[in-house]
């Protein structure tokens, strides 16, 4: 059995174990679904960081993402995985998430396997989105409604700040080669566009729109740089 296949099975087992921990927290320790959902959200985001390292074929990523999308759809229809699904609002987030991960992997693969194209959108979704949600609930300063959902300027502000710091830190850590001024401008653009996108997204669509907005800024920067260097 090839290494990629073994890694796919290993990753699949790790995701199932994470879901099992979430169910244990919800059913045995009576942790609220909003918290177990955020726990699994962050956990899956961190596990997917292994994809570019452990999987060298986008078809295997598609297999993993499709499998878990099917599991999540079945769980919604069968009233299973309450640690994810037992929330009052309607949400498509758990289904949108695997789609986003696969699209980020395709971007990583297409742009010469530059890790930033995968890690930045995935981590902003995994870290900044929960920060915004928990901050907004704790300090609902400047609260506003988008359709049926209540959000806050405080949550959006914390999303912006954490996304900016994450963009700067990852770009430096991955030696992306930005000049200092471009690094700041690029990170501000990533933070502003993704924070705005999070602020107007509802019903879990942010699991799709946040990574898409980050990729949009990154791809735009990539082509602008290519055009500049070409001249």
Protein backbone atom coordinates (compact mmCIF):
# COMPACT_ATOMS: atom_id res chain seq x y z
CA UNK A 1 0.00 0.00 0.00
CA UNK A 2 1.42 3.38 -1.01
CA UNK A 3 2.41 6.00 1.52
CA UNK A 4 -0.29 8.41 0.28
CA UNK A 5 -3.01 5.80 0.80
CA UNK A 6 -1.75 5.03 4.30
CA UNK A 7 -1.67 8.74 5.12
CA UNK A 8 -5.22 9.13 3.78
CA UNK A 9 -6.44 6.36 6.09
CA UNK A 10 -4.51 7.85 9.01
CA UNK A 11 -5.98 11.29 8.44
CA UNK A 12 -9.47 9.82 8.09
CA UNK A 13 -9.04 8.07 11.43
CA UNK A 14 -7.87 11.28 13.07
CA UNK A 15 -10.93 13.16 11.82
CA UNK A 16 -13.23 10.42 13.12
CA UNK A 17 -11.46 10.53 16.49
CA UNK A 18 -11.99 14.30 16.63
CA UNK A 19 -15.72 13.85 15.95
CA UNK A 20 -15.83 11.17 18.67
CA UNK A 21 -14.24 13.55 21.20
CA UNK A 22 -16.81 16.20 20.25
CA UNK A 23 -19.65 13.75 20.79
CA UNK A 24 -18.17 12.70 24.14
CA UNK A 25 -17.96 16.32 25.28
CA UNK A 26 -21.53 17.00 24.19
CA UNK A 27 -23.29 13.86 25.44
CA UNK A 28 -21.22 12.91 28.52
CA UNK A 29 -19.89 16.22 29.81
CA UNK A 30 -22.88 18.30 28.62
CA UNK A 31 -20.73 20.89 26.85
CA UNK A 32 -22.92 23.21 24.78
CA UNK A 33 -23.14 22.46 21.07
CA UNK A 34 -21.92 25.95 20.17
CA UNK A 35 -18.65 25.19 22.00
CA UNK A 36 -18.22 21.62 20.75
CA UNK A 37 -18.91 22.88 17.24
CA UNK A 38 -16.15 25.50 17.60
CA UNK A 39 -13.83 22.85 19.08
CA UNK A 40 -14.37 20.55 16.10
CA UNK A 41 -14.14 23.53 13.74
CA UNK A 42 -10.70 24.44 15.09
CA UNK A 43 -9.59 20.80 15.28
CA UNK A 44 -10.49 20.01 11.69
CA UNK A 45 -8.77 23.21 10.58
CA UNK A 46 -5.58 22.16 12.32
CA UNK A 47 -5.76 18.59 10.99
CA UNK A 48 -6.19 19.80 7.43
CA UNK A 49 -2.84 21.58 7.77
CA UNK A 50 -1.33 18.12 7.31
CA UNK A 51 -2.81 17.74 3.82
CA UNK A 52 0.00 19.48 1.87
CA UNK A 53 2.61 17.58 3.90
CA UNK A 54 1.06 14.10 3.92
CA UNK A 55 -0.89 13.99 0.64
CA UNK A 56 0.73 14.51 -2.73
CA UNK A 57 -2.37 13.98 -4.85
CA UNK A 58 -5.42 16.24 -4.97
CA UNK A 59 -7.65 13.22 -5.74
CA UNK A 60 -6.94 11.84 -2.25
CA UNK A 61 -7.83 15.22 -0.76
CA UNK A 62 -11.04 15.14 -2.79
CA UNK A 63 -11.75 11.62 -1.49
CA UNK A 64 -11.33 12.70 2.14
CA UNK A 65 -13.33 15.90 1.71
CA UNK A 66 -16.14 14.15 -0.20
CA UNK A 67 -16.35 11.35 2.36
CA UNK A 68 -16.76 13.76 5.25
CA UNK A 69 -19.19 15.91 3.32
CA UNK A 70 -21.37 12.81 2.83
CA UNK A 71 -21.03 11.91 6.52
CA UNK A 72 -22.09 15.42 7.53
CA UNK A 73 -25.05 15.46 5.14
CA UNK A 74 -26.24 12.07 6.45
CA UNK A 75 -25.78 13.27 10.05
CA UNK A 76 -27.98 16.30 9.37
CA UNK A 77 -30.75 14.20 7.88
CA UNK A 78 -30.50 11.46 10.52
CA UNK A 79 -30.13 13.74 13.55
CA UNK A 80 -26.65 12.45 14.32
CA UNK A 81 -23.41 14.23 15.36
CA UNK A 82 -25.25 16.49 17.78
CA UNK A 83 -21.95 18.06 18.85
CA UNK A 84 -21.97 19.75 15.43
CA UNK A 85 -25.62 19.90 14.45
CA UNK A 86 -27.50 20.68 17.70
CA UNK A 87 -27.57 24.44 17.22
CA UNK A 88 -30.61 26.67 17.08
CA UNK A 89 -29.79 28.44 13.83
CA UNK A 90 -29.79 26.76 10.43
CA UNK A 91 -26.25 26.38 9.12
CA UNK A 92 -24.63 25.00 5.99
CA UNK A 93 -21.17 25.50 7.49
CA UNK A 94 -20.27 21.89 8.18
CA UNK A 95 -21.01 20.97 4.56
CA UNK A 96 -19.30 24.03 3.08
CA UNK A 97 -16.10 23.37 5.03
CA UNK A 98 -14.85 20.31 3.07
CA UNK A 99 -15.49 22.19 -0.19
CA UNK A 100 -13.33 25.07 1.01
CA UNK A 101 -10.49 22.79 2.07
CA UNK A 102 -10.40 21.08 -1.31
CA UNK A 103 -10.45 24.41 -3.17
CA UNK A 104 -7.57 25.68 -1.01
CA UNK A 105 -5.58 22.54 -1.82
CA UNK A 106 -6.22 23.07 -5.54
CA UNK A 107 -4.92 26.65 -5.20
CA UNK A 108 -1.84 25.38 -3.34
CA UNK A 109 -1.23 22.82 -6.09
CA UNK A 110 -1.85 25.24 -8.96
CA UNK A 111 0.42 27.99 -7.67
CA UNK A 112 3.54 25.88 -7.45
CA UNK A 113 2.72 24.28 -4.08
CA UNK A 114 3.22 27.51 -2.17
CA UNK A 115 2.11 26.60 1.33
CA UNK A 116 0.74 30.06 2.03
CA UNK A 117 -2.04 29.49 -0.52
CA UNK A 118 -3.33 26.62 1.61
CA UNK A 119 -2.39 27.54 5.14
CA UNK A 120 -3.49 31.17 5.23
CA UNK A 121 -7.15 30.74 4.15
CA UNK A 122 -7.56 27.56 6.20
CA UNK A 123 -6.05 29.05 9.37
CA UNK A 124 -7.96 32.31 9.07
CA UNK A 125 -11.14 30.25 8.93
CA UNK A 126 -10.05 27.89 11.72
CA UNK A 127 -8.74 30.55 14.12
CA UNK A 128 -10.09 34.01 13.28
CA UNK A 129 -13.71 32.97 12.74
CA UNK A 130 -14.07 31.36 16.21
CA UNK A 131 -12.26 34.34 17.77
CA UNK A 132 -14.80 36.68 16.16
CA UNK A 133 -17.75 34.55 17.25
CA UNK A 134 -16.64 34.14 20.88
CA UNK A 135 -15.58 37.80 21.20
CA UNK A 136 -18.88 38.97 19.73
CA UNK A 137 -20.86 36.87 22.19
CA UNK A 138 -18.78 37.98 25.17
CA UNK A 139 -18.59 41.68 24.30
CA UNK A 140 -21.41 42.44 21.83
CA UNK A 141 -20.25 46.02 21.25
CA UNK A 142 -21.76 47.61 18.15
CA UNK A 143 -24.09 44.70 17.52
CA UNK A 144 -25.97 44.54 14.23
CA UNK A 145 -28.14 42.07 12.35
CA UNK A 146 -27.46 40.40 9.03
CA UNK A 147 -30.73 38.70 8.11
CA UNK A 148 -31.59 36.62 11.19
CA UNK A 149 -28.09 36.57 12.71
CA UNK A 150 -26.67 39.03 15.23
CA UNK A 151 -23.04 40.07 14.85
CA UNK A 152 -20.90 42.79 16.39
CA UNK A 153 -18.28 45.32 15.42
CA UNK A 154 -16.15 44.00 18.29
CA UNK A 155 -16.18 40.51 16.76
CA UNK A 156 -15.36 41.92 13.31
CA UNK A 157 -12.55 44.00 14.79
CA UNK A 158 -11.00 40.98 16.50
CA UNK A 159 -11.34 39.01 13.28
CA UNK A 160 -9.49 41.79 11.41
CA UNK A 161 -6.71 42.02 14.02
CA UNK A 162 -6.15 38.26 14.29
CA UNK A 163 -6.26 37.81 10.49
CA UNK A 164 -3.72 40.61 10.00
CA UNK A 165 -1.31 39.15 12.58
CA UNK A 166 -1.77 35.65 11.18
CA UNK A 167 -1.08 36.85 7.63
CA UNK A 168 2.09 38.66 8.67
CA UNK A 169 3.32 35.78 10.81
CA UNK A 170 2.68 33.06 8.23
CA UNK A 171 4.16 35.06 5.37
CA UNK A 172 7.36 35.58 7.35
CA UNK A 173 7.47 31.99 8.68
CA UNK A 174 7.01 30.50 5.21
CA UNK A 175 9.59 32.88 3.67
CA UNK A 176 7.12 34.11 1.08
CA UNK A 177 9.49 36.84 -0.09
CA UNK A 178 7.31 39.93 0.35
CA UNK A 179 9.07 43.22 0.95
CA UNK A 180 8.14 44.81 4.28
CA UNK A 181 5.79 47.36 2.71
CA UNK A 182 4.10 44.76 0.48
CA UNK A 183 3.78 42.39 3.42
CA UNK A 184 1.89 45.03 5.43
CA UNK A 185 -0.34 46.07 2.51
CA UNK A 186 -1.09 42.47 1.56
CA UNK A 187 -1.89 41.49 5.15
CA UNK A 188 -4.12 44.53 5.63
CA UNK A 189 -5.99 43.62 2.42
CA UNK A 190 -6.40 39.99 3.50
CA UNK A 191 -7.63 41.05 6.95
CA UNK A 192 -10.01 43.75 5.68
CA UNK A 193 -11.59 41.68 2.89
CA UNK A 194 -11.99 38.52 4.99
CA UNK A 195 -13.34 40.46 8.01
CA UNK A 196 -15.88 42.22 5.81
CA UNK A 197 -16.83 38.89 4.23
CA UNK A 198 -17.28 37.27 7.65
CA UNK A 199 -19.40 40.20 8.76
CA UNK A 200 -21.93 39.82 5.96
CA UNK A 201 -22.01 36.00 5.72
CA UNK A 202 -24.84 34.03 7.33
CA UNK A 203 -26.03 30.46 7.87
CA UNK A 204 -22.54 29.02 7.89
CA UNK A 205 -21.72 30.31 4.42
CA UNK A 206 -18.61 31.94 5.94
CA UNK A 207 -16.95 28.52 5.84
CA UNK A 208 -16.98 28.98 2.08
CA UNK A 209 -16.79 32.76 1.68
CA UNK A 210 -13.92 33.47 4.10
CA UNK A 211 -11.37 31.15 2.42
CA UNK A 212 -12.61 32.33 -0.99
CA UNK A 213 -12.06 35.99 -0.02
CA UNK A 214 -8.54 35.25 1.26
CA UNK A 215 -7.68 33.35 -1.93
CA UNK A 216 -9.09 36.20 -4.01
CA UNK A 217 -6.70 38.68 -2.38
CA UNK A 218 -3.75 36.29 -2.62
CA UNK A 219 -4.36 35.44 -6.28
CA UNK A 220 -4.82 39.13 -7.11
CA UNK A 221 -1.51 39.94 -5.38
CA UNK A 222 0.20 37.08 -7.22
CA UNK A 223 -0.89 38.29 -10.64
CA UNK A 224 -0.17 41.94 -9.83
CA UNK A 225 3.37 40.98 -8.86
CA UNK A 226 3.78 38.91 -12.00
CA UNK A 227 2.56 41.83 -14.10
CA UNK A 228 4.92 44.24 -12.33
CA UNK A 229 7.92 41.98 -12.75
CA UNK A 230 6.96 41.35 -16.37
CA UNK A 231 7.37 45.03 -17.03
